[in-house]
């Protein structure tokens, strides 16, 4: 866990939001488009406010989208909270060498939302996790992901498979014929 050092801007935003929400804020993470506040477990409802009132007020004041993230000592739950409302298929944490890696399995339909534009959502999630856990990396696994590898052919239709089989059969017959010719000339 890194020692959290807040900028003046983050401190000011925390002060403003604590005043309107009347909820203690654990942390604030900023990027160009968003402000994310981390609140204690159980405080998320009060932080959001009735009908999202506190979030709307903060968004108007900051001119940015505001996210409220509920902290949890359970790292897997905390990761899910960071990405909420996106549904993550599975989350697990594992030590890999010197790193503690959060593995996130997702449906391909939510890939864009998880990564964000130019990876900003993933970057923000990692920044939050580094500040509040020992997690040092995030690996995203896209469910049913199609890998492009050299030598692996794309799926083909039955007609294409039949044509390919005929070509291979023809090549095999020609090879046999050449082999027969070689054997008769060697005798």
N, C-alpha and C. Protein backbone atom coordinates (compact mmCIF):
# COMPACT_ATOMS: atom_id res chain seq x y z
N UNK A 1 0.83 -1.18 0.00
CA UNK A 1 0.00 0.00 0.00
C UNK A 1 0.88 1.24 0.00
N UNK A 2 0.60 2.13 -0.92
CA UNK A 2 1.34 3.38 -1.00
C UNK A 2 0.74 4.38 0.00
N UNK A 3 1.60 5.26 0.47
CA UNK A 3 1.13 6.32 1.33
C UNK A 3 0.39 7.31 0.43
N UNK A 4 -0.82 7.64 0.78
CA UNK A 4 -1.63 8.51 -0.06
C UNK A 4 -1.26 9.97 0.19
N UNK A 5 -0.83 10.62 -0.90
CA UNK A 5 -0.55 12.05 -0.83
C UNK A 5 -1.56 12.76 -1.72
N UNK A 6 -2.31 13.62 -1.12
CA UNK A 6 -3.35 14.32 -1.86
C UNK A 6 -2.85 15.67 -2.34
N UNK A 7 -3.30 16.05 -3.54
CA UNK A 7 -2.97 17.37 -4.07
C UNK A 7 -3.91 18.39 -3.42
N UNK A 8 -3.60 19.65 -3.58
CA UNK A 8 -4.45 20.71 -3.06
C UNK A 8 -5.84 20.62 -3.67
N UNK A 9 -5.90 20.34 -4.97
CA UNK A 9 -7.19 20.22 -5.66
C UNK A 9 -8.01 19.07 -5.08
N UNK A 10 -7.36 17.94 -4.82
CA UNK A 10 -8.07 16.79 -4.24
C UNK A 10 -8.59 17.12 -2.85
N UNK A 11 -7.78 17.78 -2.05
CA UNK A 11 -8.18 18.16 -0.69
C UNK A 11 -9.39 19.10 -0.74
N UNK A 12 -9.37 20.05 -1.67
CA UNK A 12 -10.49 20.99 -1.80
C UNK A 12 -11.77 20.27 -2.23
N UNK A 13 -11.65 19.35 -3.15
CA UNK A 13 -12.82 18.60 -3.62
C UNK A 13 -13.38 17.71 -2.50
N UNK A 14 -12.49 17.09 -1.73
CA UNK A 14 -12.93 16.27 -0.59
C UNK A 14 -13.69 17.15 0.40
N UNK A 15 -13.14 18.31 0.73
CA UNK A 15 -13.78 19.23 1.68
C UNK A 15 -15.17 19.63 1.22
N UNK A 16 -15.30 19.98 -0.06
CA UNK A 16 -16.59 20.37 -0.60
C UNK A 16 -17.59 19.21 -0.52
N UNK A 17 -17.15 18.03 -0.95
CA UNK A 17 -18.08 16.89 -1.00
C UNK A 17 -18.47 16.43 0.40
N UNK A 18 -17.53 16.44 1.34
CA UNK A 18 -17.87 16.07 2.73
C UNK A 18 -18.91 17.02 3.30
N UNK A 19 -18.80 18.29 2.92
CA UNK A 19 -19.73 19.30 3.42
C UNK A 19 -21.15 19.06 2.89
N UNK A 20 -21.28 18.75 1.60
CA UNK A 20 -22.64 18.56 1.05
C UNK A 20 -23.21 17.18 1.37
N UNK A 21 -22.35 16.16 1.47
CA UNK A 21 -22.85 14.80 1.70
C UNK A 21 -22.89 14.43 3.18
N UNK A 22 -22.14 15.16 3.99
CA UNK A 22 -22.04 14.88 5.42
C UNK A 22 -21.57 13.44 5.67
N UNK A 23 -20.59 13.01 4.86
CA UNK A 23 -20.02 11.67 4.93
C UNK A 23 -18.50 11.82 4.83
N UNK A 24 -17.73 11.12 5.70
CA UNK A 24 -16.27 11.22 5.59
C UNK A 24 -15.77 10.54 4.30
N UNK A 25 -14.86 11.21 3.60
CA UNK A 25 -14.28 10.69 2.36
C UNK A 25 -12.91 10.11 2.68
N UNK A 26 -12.66 8.88 2.24
CA UNK A 26 -11.37 8.22 2.47
C UNK A 26 -10.31 8.73 1.50
N UNK A 27 -10.70 8.93 0.23
CA UNK A 27 -9.74 9.30 -0.80
C UNK A 27 -10.47 9.95 -1.97
N UNK A 28 -9.69 10.64 -2.79
CA UNK A 28 -10.21 11.28 -3.99
C UNK A 28 -9.20 11.05 -5.10
N UNK A 29 -9.66 10.57 -6.24
CA UNK A 29 -8.78 10.34 -7.39
C UNK A 29 -9.35 11.11 -8.57
N UNK A 30 -8.50 11.92 -9.19
CA UNK A 30 -8.93 12.77 -10.30
C UNK A 30 -8.30 12.33 -11.61
N UNK A 31 -9.03 12.53 -12.69
CA UNK A 31 -8.43 12.52 -14.02
C UNK A 31 -9.11 13.63 -14.81
N UNK A 32 -8.83 13.72 -16.09
CA UNK A 32 -9.34 14.84 -16.89
C UNK A 32 -10.86 14.94 -16.91
N UNK A 33 -11.53 13.80 -16.85
CA UNK A 33 -12.98 13.79 -17.02
C UNK A 33 -13.77 13.46 -15.77
N UNK A 34 -13.12 12.89 -14.75
CA UNK A 34 -13.87 12.36 -13.61
C UNK A 34 -13.21 12.68 -12.27
N UNK A 35 -14.07 12.67 -11.26
CA UNK A 35 -13.64 12.76 -9.87
C UNK A 35 -14.21 11.53 -9.18
N UNK A 36 -13.35 10.75 -8.55
CA UNK A 36 -13.82 9.55 -7.84
C UNK A 36 -13.57 9.74 -6.34
N UNK A 37 -14.63 9.59 -5.57
CA UNK A 37 -14.51 9.65 -4.11
C UNK A 37 -14.65 8.24 -3.56
N UNK A 38 -13.76 7.88 -2.64
CA UNK A 38 -13.83 6.59 -1.96
C UNK A 38 -14.45 6.84 -0.59
N UNK A 39 -15.51 6.08 -0.28
CA UNK A 39 -16.18 6.23 1.01
C UNK A 39 -16.12 4.92 1.78
N UNK A 40 -16.31 5.01 3.10
CA UNK A 40 -16.30 3.81 3.94
C UNK A 40 -17.45 2.89 3.56
N UNK A 41 -17.26 1.61 3.87
CA UNK A 41 -18.29 0.62 3.61
C UNK A 41 -19.57 1.02 4.36
N UNK A 42 -20.67 1.01 3.65
CA UNK A 42 -21.95 1.36 4.26
C UNK A 42 -22.34 2.82 4.09
N UNK A 43 -21.41 3.66 3.63
CA UNK A 43 -21.69 5.10 3.49
C UNK A 43 -22.08 5.51 2.07
N UNK A 44 -22.14 4.57 1.16
CA UNK A 44 -22.36 4.94 -0.25
C UNK A 44 -23.71 5.59 -0.49
N UNK A 45 -24.75 5.08 0.14
CA UNK A 45 -26.09 5.65 -0.03
C UNK A 45 -26.15 7.10 0.41
N UNK A 46 -25.61 7.39 1.58
CA UNK A 46 -25.59 8.76 2.10
C UNK A 46 -24.72 9.65 1.22
N UNK A 47 -23.63 9.11 0.71
CA UNK A 47 -22.73 9.89 -0.14
C UNK A 47 -23.41 10.28 -1.45
N UNK A 48 -24.14 9.36 -2.03
CA UNK A 48 -24.84 9.64 -3.30
C UNK A 48 -25.97 10.64 -3.07
N UNK A 49 -26.67 10.48 -1.96
CA UNK A 49 -27.77 11.39 -1.63
C UNK A 49 -29.08 10.94 -2.25
N UNK A 50 -30.15 11.52 -1.75
CA UNK A 50 -31.50 11.17 -2.22
C UNK A 50 -31.63 11.54 -3.70
N UNK A 51 -31.93 10.51 -4.52
CA UNK A 51 -32.08 10.75 -5.96
C UNK A 51 -30.78 11.19 -6.63
N UNK A 52 -29.64 10.90 -6.00
CA UNK A 52 -28.35 11.29 -6.58
C UNK A 52 -28.04 12.77 -6.43
N UNK A 53 -28.73 13.40 -5.49
CA UNK A 53 -28.64 14.85 -5.27
C UNK A 53 -27.20 15.33 -5.01
N UNK A 54 -26.47 14.63 -4.13
CA UNK A 54 -25.11 15.06 -3.80
C UNK A 54 -24.17 14.94 -5.00
N UNK A 55 -24.33 13.87 -5.75
CA UNK A 55 -23.49 13.65 -6.94
C UNK A 55 -23.77 14.74 -7.97
N UNK A 56 -25.05 15.05 -8.20
CA UNK A 56 -25.42 16.09 -9.18
C UNK A 56 -24.85 17.44 -8.78
N UNK A 57 -24.95 17.78 -7.49
CA UNK A 57 -24.42 19.05 -7.00
C UNK A 57 -22.91 19.13 -7.23
N UNK A 58 -22.21 18.04 -6.91
CA UNK A 58 -20.75 18.01 -7.09
C UNK A 58 -20.38 18.09 -8.57
N UNK A 59 -21.13 17.41 -9.43
CA UNK A 59 -20.84 17.45 -10.87
C UNK A 59 -21.00 18.86 -11.42
N UNK A 60 -22.03 19.56 -10.96
CA UNK A 60 -22.23 20.96 -11.38
C UNK A 60 -21.08 21.84 -10.91
N UNK A 61 -20.66 21.64 -9.68
CA UNK A 61 -19.58 22.45 -9.09
C UNK A 61 -18.24 22.18 -9.79
N UNK A 62 -17.91 20.90 -10.02
CA UNK A 62 -16.60 20.53 -10.57
C UNK A 62 -16.56 20.55 -12.09
N UNK A 63 -17.72 20.46 -12.73
CA UNK A 63 -17.75 20.40 -14.19
C UNK A 63 -17.21 19.07 -14.71
N UNK A 64 -17.27 18.06 -13.87
CA UNK A 64 -16.80 16.72 -14.23
C UNK A 64 -17.78 15.69 -13.70
N UNK A 65 -17.73 14.50 -14.27
CA UNK A 65 -18.53 13.37 -13.79
C UNK A 65 -17.97 12.95 -12.43
N UNK A 66 -18.85 12.62 -11.49
CA UNK A 66 -18.44 12.22 -10.14
C UNK A 66 -18.84 10.77 -9.90
N UNK A 67 -17.89 9.97 -9.45
CA UNK A 67 -18.13 8.57 -9.10
C UNK A 67 -17.92 8.39 -7.60
N UNK A 68 -18.80 7.62 -6.98
CA UNK A 68 -18.66 7.28 -5.57
C UNK A 68 -18.34 5.79 -5.51
N UNK A 69 -17.24 5.45 -4.86
CA UNK A 69 -16.79 4.06 -4.77
C UNK A 69 -16.76 3.66 -3.30
N UNK A 70 -17.43 2.54 -3.00
CA UNK A 70 -17.48 2.05 -1.63
C UNK A 70 -16.25 1.18 -1.35
N UNK A 71 -15.50 1.56 -0.32
CA UNK A 71 -14.30 0.79 0.06
C UNK A 71 -14.72 -0.53 0.71
N UNK A 72 -13.85 -1.54 0.55
CA UNK A 72 -14.05 -2.81 1.23
C UNK A 72 -12.69 -3.42 1.53
N UNK A 73 -12.57 -4.04 2.71
CA UNK A 73 -11.33 -4.76 3.04
C UNK A 73 -11.17 -6.02 2.19
N UNK A 74 -12.27 -6.53 1.66
CA UNK A 74 -12.24 -7.66 0.73
C UNK A 74 -11.84 -7.09 -0.64
N UNK A 75 -10.62 -7.37 -1.05
CA UNK A 75 -10.09 -6.79 -2.29
C UNK A 75 -10.95 -7.10 -3.49
N UNK A 76 -11.48 -8.32 -3.56
CA UNK A 76 -12.32 -8.68 -4.71
C UNK A 76 -13.59 -7.82 -4.75
N UNK A 77 -14.18 -7.62 -3.60
CA UNK A 77 -15.39 -6.78 -3.53
C UNK A 77 -15.04 -5.33 -3.86
N UNK A 78 -13.89 -4.87 -3.37
CA UNK A 78 -13.45 -3.50 -3.65
C UNK A 78 -13.25 -3.30 -5.16
N UNK A 79 -12.65 -4.28 -5.83
CA UNK A 79 -12.45 -4.20 -7.28
C UNK A 79 -13.81 -4.11 -7.99
N UNK A 80 -14.75 -4.94 -7.56
CA UNK A 80 -16.10 -4.88 -8.15
C UNK A 80 -16.73 -3.51 -7.93
N UNK A 81 -16.52 -2.94 -6.74
CA UNK A 81 -17.07 -1.63 -6.43
C UNK A 81 -16.45 -0.54 -7.31
N UNK A 82 -15.16 -0.66 -7.59
CA UNK A 82 -14.47 0.33 -8.43
C UNK A 82 -15.09 0.35 -9.83
N UNK A 83 -15.42 -0.83 -10.34
CA UNK A 83 -15.96 -0.93 -11.70
C UNK A 83 -17.48 -0.85 -11.77
N UNK A 84 -18.16 -0.79 -10.62
CA UNK A 84 -19.63 -0.74 -10.62
C UNK A 84 -20.09 0.46 -11.45
N UNK A 85 -21.17 0.34 -12.17
CA UNK A 85 -22.17 -0.72 -12.23
C UNK A 85 -21.86 -1.82 -13.26
N UNK A 86 -20.67 -1.82 -13.82
CA UNK A 86 -20.29 -2.85 -14.80
C UNK A 86 -20.26 -4.21 -14.10
N UNK A 87 -20.86 -5.20 -14.74
CA UNK A 87 -20.86 -6.56 -14.19
C UNK A 87 -19.58 -7.27 -14.59
N UNK A 88 -18.76 -7.64 -13.63
CA UNK A 88 -17.55 -8.41 -13.88
C UNK A 88 -17.90 -9.88 -13.70
N UNK A 89 -17.48 -10.72 -14.64
CA UNK A 89 -17.79 -12.15 -14.58
C UNK A 89 -17.13 -12.81 -13.37
N UNK A 90 -15.85 -12.48 -13.14
CA UNK A 90 -15.12 -13.08 -12.02
C UNK A 90 -13.95 -12.16 -11.66
N UNK A 91 -13.55 -12.21 -10.41
CA UNK A 91 -12.42 -11.42 -9.93
C UNK A 91 -11.62 -12.29 -8.97
N UNK A 92 -10.30 -12.33 -9.16
CA UNK A 92 -9.45 -13.01 -8.20
C UNK A 92 -8.11 -12.30 -8.14
N UNK A 93 -7.42 -12.49 -7.03
CA UNK A 93 -6.13 -11.84 -6.82
C UNK A 93 -5.11 -12.93 -6.56
N UNK A 94 -3.96 -12.79 -7.20
CA UNK A 94 -2.93 -13.82 -7.11
C UNK A 94 -1.55 -13.17 -7.15
N UNK A 95 -0.63 -13.74 -6.37
CA UNK A 95 0.76 -13.28 -6.43
C UNK A 95 1.43 -13.91 -7.64
N UNK A 96 2.04 -13.08 -8.48
CA UNK A 96 2.78 -13.54 -9.65
C UNK A 96 4.17 -12.93 -9.57
N UNK A 97 5.13 -13.75 -9.14
CA UNK A 97 6.48 -13.22 -8.93
C UNK A 97 6.46 -12.20 -7.81
N UNK A 98 6.96 -11.00 -8.10
CA UNK A 98 6.98 -9.93 -7.10
C UNK A 98 5.68 -9.13 -7.08
N UNK A 99 4.83 -9.37 -8.07
CA UNK A 99 3.60 -8.58 -8.20
C UNK A 99 2.40 -9.28 -7.56
N UNK A 100 1.47 -8.47 -7.11
CA UNK A 100 0.16 -8.95 -6.69
C UNK A 100 -0.79 -8.48 -7.78
N UNK A 101 -1.36 -9.45 -8.50
CA UNK A 101 -2.13 -9.14 -9.70
C UNK A 101 -3.62 -9.39 -9.47
N UNK A 102 -4.42 -8.41 -9.87
CA UNK A 102 -5.88 -8.57 -9.86
C UNK A 102 -6.28 -9.05 -11.24
N UNK A 103 -6.90 -10.22 -11.30
CA UNK A 103 -7.40 -10.77 -12.56
C UNK A 103 -8.90 -10.47 -12.63
N UNK A 104 -9.31 -9.88 -13.74
CA UNK A 104 -10.71 -9.51 -13.92
C UNK A 104 -11.21 -10.18 -15.19
N UNK A 105 -12.18 -11.06 -15.04
CA UNK A 105 -12.76 -11.74 -16.20
C UNK A 105 -14.04 -10.99 -16.57
N UNK A 106 -14.14 -10.61 -17.85
CA UNK A 106 -15.28 -9.81 -18.29
C UNK A 106 -15.92 -10.40 -19.54
N UNK A 107 -17.14 -10.01 -19.77
CA UNK A 107 -17.86 -10.33 -21.00
C UNK A 107 -17.37 -9.35 -22.07
N UNK A 108 -17.20 -9.77 -23.32
CA UNK A 108 -16.73 -8.86 -24.37
C UNK A 108 -17.60 -7.61 -24.53
N UNK A 109 -18.88 -7.71 -24.16
CA UNK A 109 -19.80 -6.57 -24.31
C UNK A 109 -19.44 -5.40 -23.41
N UNK A 110 -18.74 -5.66 -22.31
CA UNK A 110 -18.41 -4.58 -21.37
C UNK A 110 -16.94 -4.15 -21.47
N UNK A 111 -16.25 -4.68 -22.45
CA UNK A 111 -14.81 -4.39 -22.59
C UNK A 111 -14.53 -2.89 -22.67
N UNK A 112 -15.26 -2.21 -23.53
CA UNK A 112 -15.03 -0.77 -23.72
C UNK A 112 -15.26 -0.01 -22.41
N UNK A 113 -16.28 -0.39 -21.66
CA UNK A 113 -16.57 0.29 -20.39
C UNK A 113 -15.49 0.02 -19.35
N UNK A 114 -14.96 -1.20 -19.32
CA UNK A 114 -13.91 -1.55 -18.36
C UNK A 114 -12.62 -0.78 -18.66
N UNK A 115 -12.23 -0.77 -19.92
CA UNK A 115 -10.98 -0.11 -20.29
C UNK A 115 -11.12 1.41 -20.32
N UNK A 116 -12.23 1.89 -20.85
CA UNK A 116 -12.41 3.32 -21.01
C UNK A 116 -11.59 3.83 -22.18
N UNK A 117 -11.79 5.09 -22.51
CA UNK A 117 -11.07 5.69 -23.63
C UNK A 117 -9.57 5.74 -23.30
N UNK A 118 -8.79 5.15 -24.18
CA UNK A 118 -7.33 5.09 -24.03
C UNK A 118 -6.91 4.44 -22.71
N UNK A 119 -7.74 3.54 -22.18
CA UNK A 119 -7.40 2.81 -20.96
C UNK A 119 -7.53 3.61 -19.68
N UNK A 120 -8.22 4.75 -19.73
CA UNK A 120 -8.31 5.63 -18.56
C UNK A 120 -9.02 4.98 -17.37
N UNK A 121 -10.07 4.20 -17.62
CA UNK A 121 -10.79 3.56 -16.50
C UNK A 121 -9.91 2.54 -15.80
N UNK A 122 -9.17 1.78 -16.58
CA UNK A 122 -8.26 0.78 -16.01
C UNK A 122 -7.12 1.45 -15.25
N UNK A 123 -6.62 2.53 -15.81
CA UNK A 123 -5.54 3.30 -15.18
C UNK A 123 -6.00 3.84 -13.82
N UNK A 124 -7.21 4.40 -13.80
CA UNK A 124 -7.76 4.94 -12.55
C UNK A 124 -7.97 3.84 -11.52
N UNK A 125 -8.48 2.69 -11.98
CA UNK A 125 -8.70 1.55 -11.07
C UNK A 125 -7.39 1.10 -10.45
N UNK A 126 -6.35 1.01 -11.26
CA UNK A 126 -5.04 0.59 -10.74
C UNK A 126 -4.50 1.61 -9.75
N UNK A 127 -4.67 2.88 -10.04
CA UNK A 127 -4.21 3.93 -9.13
C UNK A 127 -4.90 3.79 -7.77
N UNK A 128 -6.20 3.56 -7.79
CA UNK A 128 -6.96 3.39 -6.54
C UNK A 128 -6.48 2.14 -5.80
N UNK A 129 -6.33 1.04 -6.53
CA UNK A 129 -5.90 -0.22 -5.89
C UNK A 129 -4.50 -0.11 -5.30
N UNK A 130 -3.60 0.56 -5.99
CA UNK A 130 -2.24 0.73 -5.46
C UNK A 130 -2.26 1.57 -4.18
N UNK A 131 -3.18 2.52 -4.09
CA UNK A 131 -3.26 3.38 -2.91
C UNK A 131 -3.85 2.66 -1.70
N UNK A 132 -4.73 1.68 -1.94
CA UNK A 132 -5.47 1.09 -0.83
C UNK A 132 -5.26 -0.41 -0.62
N UNK A 133 -4.49 -1.05 -1.50
CA UNK A 133 -4.20 -2.48 -1.36
C UNK A 133 -2.75 -2.72 -1.75
N UNK A 134 -2.35 -3.96 -1.76
CA UNK A 134 -1.01 -4.32 -2.21
C UNK A 134 -0.99 -4.74 -3.69
N UNK A 135 -2.11 -4.58 -4.36
CA UNK A 135 -2.22 -4.94 -5.78
C UNK A 135 -1.36 -3.99 -6.60
N UNK A 136 -0.55 -4.58 -7.51
CA UNK A 136 0.36 -3.78 -8.33
C UNK A 136 0.02 -3.82 -9.82
N UNK A 137 -0.81 -4.77 -10.23
CA UNK A 137 -1.16 -4.89 -11.65
C UNK A 137 -2.59 -5.39 -11.79
N UNK A 138 -3.19 -5.08 -12.95
CA UNK A 138 -4.51 -5.60 -13.29
C UNK A 138 -4.39 -6.31 -14.63
N UNK A 139 -4.92 -7.52 -14.69
CA UNK A 139 -4.98 -8.28 -15.95
C UNK A 139 -6.45 -8.51 -16.26
N UNK A 140 -6.86 -8.11 -17.45
CA UNK A 140 -8.24 -8.28 -17.87
C UNK A 140 -8.32 -9.47 -18.81
N UNK A 141 -9.23 -10.38 -18.52
CA UNK A 141 -9.45 -11.56 -19.35
C UNK A 141 -10.84 -11.41 -19.95
N UNK A 142 -10.87 -11.36 -21.29
CA UNK A 142 -12.15 -11.21 -21.97
C UNK A 142 -12.69 -12.61 -22.24
N UNK A 143 -13.87 -12.89 -21.69
CA UNK A 143 -14.50 -14.20 -21.84
C UNK A 143 -14.71 -14.51 -23.32
N UNK A 144 -14.40 -15.76 -23.73
CA UNK A 144 -14.53 -16.19 -25.13
C UNK A 144 -13.71 -15.33 -26.07
N UNK A 145 -12.59 -14.85 -25.59
CA UNK A 145 -11.74 -13.99 -26.41
C UNK A 145 -11.15 -14.81 -27.55
N UNK A 146 -11.18 -14.26 -28.73
CA UNK A 146 -10.61 -14.92 -29.89
C UNK A 146 -9.18 -14.42 -30.05
N UNK A 147 -8.24 -15.34 -30.03
CA UNK A 147 -6.84 -14.97 -30.17
C UNK A 147 -6.42 -15.15 -31.62
N UNK A 148 -5.68 -14.21 -32.14
CA UNK A 148 -5.13 -14.34 -33.48
C UNK A 148 -3.70 -14.82 -33.34
N UNK A 149 -3.45 -16.00 -33.82
CA UNK A 149 -2.11 -16.56 -33.77
C UNK A 149 -1.69 -16.92 -35.17
N UNK A 150 -0.39 -16.89 -35.38
CA UNK A 150 0.13 -17.29 -36.68
C UNK A 150 -0.17 -18.76 -36.89
N UNK A 151 -0.57 -19.09 -38.12
CA UNK A 151 -0.81 -20.49 -38.46
C UNK A 151 -2.19 -20.99 -38.08
N UNK A 152 -2.97 -20.19 -37.39
CA UNK A 152 -4.31 -20.62 -37.02
C UNK A 152 -5.28 -20.02 -38.04
N UNK A 153 -6.04 -20.87 -38.68
CA UNK A 153 -6.96 -20.42 -39.72
C UNK A 153 -8.27 -19.97 -39.12
N UNK A 154 -8.90 -19.06 -39.85
CA UNK A 154 -10.23 -18.61 -39.46
C UNK A 154 -11.22 -19.74 -39.71
N UNK A 155 -12.33 -19.77 -38.98
CA UNK A 155 -13.34 -20.80 -39.24
C UNK A 155 -13.84 -20.67 -40.68
N UNK A 156 -14.10 -21.81 -41.31
CA UNK A 156 -14.54 -21.80 -42.70
C UNK A 156 -15.90 -22.49 -42.82
N UNK A 157 -16.55 -22.22 -43.95
CA UNK A 157 -17.85 -22.85 -44.19
C UNK A 157 -17.64 -24.29 -44.61
N UNK A 158 -18.72 -25.06 -44.65
CA UNK A 158 -18.62 -26.47 -45.07
C UNK A 158 -18.12 -26.57 -46.50
N UNK A 159 -18.57 -25.65 -47.37
CA UNK A 159 -18.13 -25.67 -48.76
C UNK A 159 -16.62 -25.44 -48.84
N UNK A 160 -16.14 -24.47 -48.05
CA UNK A 160 -14.70 -24.18 -48.05
C UNK A 160 -13.92 -25.38 -47.50
N UNK A 161 -14.47 -26.04 -46.48
CA UNK A 161 -13.81 -27.22 -45.93
C UNK A 161 -13.73 -28.33 -46.98
N UNK A 162 -14.82 -28.50 -47.74
CA UNK A 162 -14.86 -29.54 -48.77
C UNK A 162 -13.84 -29.22 -49.88
N UNK A 163 -13.79 -27.95 -50.30
CA UNK A 163 -12.81 -27.54 -51.32
C UNK A 163 -11.39 -27.81 -50.83
N UNK A 164 -11.13 -27.44 -49.57
CA UNK A 164 -9.80 -27.64 -48.99
C UNK A 164 -9.46 -29.13 -48.95
N UNK A 165 -10.41 -29.97 -48.58
CA UNK A 165 -10.18 -31.42 -48.53
C UNK A 165 -9.89 -31.96 -49.92
N UNK A 166 -10.62 -31.46 -50.93
CA UNK A 166 -10.38 -31.90 -52.30
C UNK A 166 -8.98 -31.50 -52.78
N UNK A 167 -8.57 -30.27 -52.45
CA UNK A 167 -7.23 -29.81 -52.82
C UNK A 167 -6.16 -30.67 -52.17
N UNK A 168 -6.35 -30.94 -50.87
CA UNK A 168 -5.37 -31.76 -50.15
C UNK A 168 -5.33 -33.17 -50.71
N UNK A 169 -6.48 -33.70 -51.11
CA UNK A 169 -6.55 -35.04 -51.70
C UNK A 169 -5.82 -35.05 -53.04
N UNK A 170 -6.03 -34.01 -53.84
CA UNK A 170 -5.39 -33.90 -55.14
C UNK A 170 -3.87 -33.83 -54.98
N UNK A 171 -3.41 -33.03 -54.02
CA UNK A 171 -1.97 -32.89 -53.75
C UNK A 171 -1.40 -34.23 -53.31
N UNK A 172 -2.14 -34.95 -52.47
CA UNK A 172 -1.68 -36.26 -52.00
C UNK A 172 -1.59 -37.24 -53.16
N UNK A 173 -2.56 -37.22 -54.06
CA UNK A 173 -2.54 -38.11 -55.23
C UNK A 173 -1.36 -37.79 -56.14
N UNK A 174 -1.10 -36.49 -56.34
CA UNK A 174 0.04 -36.09 -57.18
C UNK A 174 1.35 -36.52 -56.54
N UNK A 175 1.44 -36.41 -55.23
CA UNK A 175 2.65 -36.83 -54.53
C UNK A 175 2.85 -38.33 -54.67
N UNK A 176 1.76 -39.10 -54.58
CA UNK A 176 1.84 -40.56 -54.76
C UNK A 176 2.28 -40.90 -56.17
N UNK A 177 1.73 -40.18 -57.15
CA UNK A 177 2.08 -40.44 -58.55
C UNK A 177 3.56 -40.16 -58.79
N UNK A 178 4.06 -39.06 -58.20
CA UNK A 178 5.48 -38.74 -58.35
C UNK A 178 6.34 -39.79 -57.68
N UNK A 179 5.88 -40.28 -56.54
CA UNK A 179 6.61 -41.33 -55.82
C UNK A 179 6.68 -42.60 -56.66
N UNK A 180 5.56 -42.96 -57.31
CA UNK A 180 5.52 -44.14 -58.19
C UNK A 180 6.48 -43.97 -59.36
N UNK A 181 6.54 -42.76 -59.93
CA UNK A 181 7.44 -42.50 -61.06
C UNK A 181 8.88 -42.66 -60.61
N UNK A 182 9.22 -42.14 -59.43
CA UNK A 182 10.60 -42.26 -58.91
C UNK A 182 10.97 -43.71 -58.70
N UNK A 183 10.03 -44.49 -58.16
CA UNK A 183 10.31 -45.90 -57.88
C UNK A 183 10.53 -46.67 -59.17
N UNK A 184 9.75 -46.39 -60.23
CA UNK A 184 9.91 -47.12 -61.50
C UNK A 184 11.19 -46.70 -62.21
N UNK A 185 11.62 -45.46 -62.06
CA UNK A 185 12.87 -45.04 -62.70
C UNK A 185 14.08 -45.57 -61.96
N UNK A 186 13.97 -45.82 -60.68
CA UNK A 186 15.08 -46.34 -59.88
C UNK A 186 15.27 -47.83 -60.12
N UNK A 187 14.28 -48.54 -60.63
CA UNK A 187 14.38 -49.98 -60.81
C UNK A 187 15.14 -50.28 -62.01
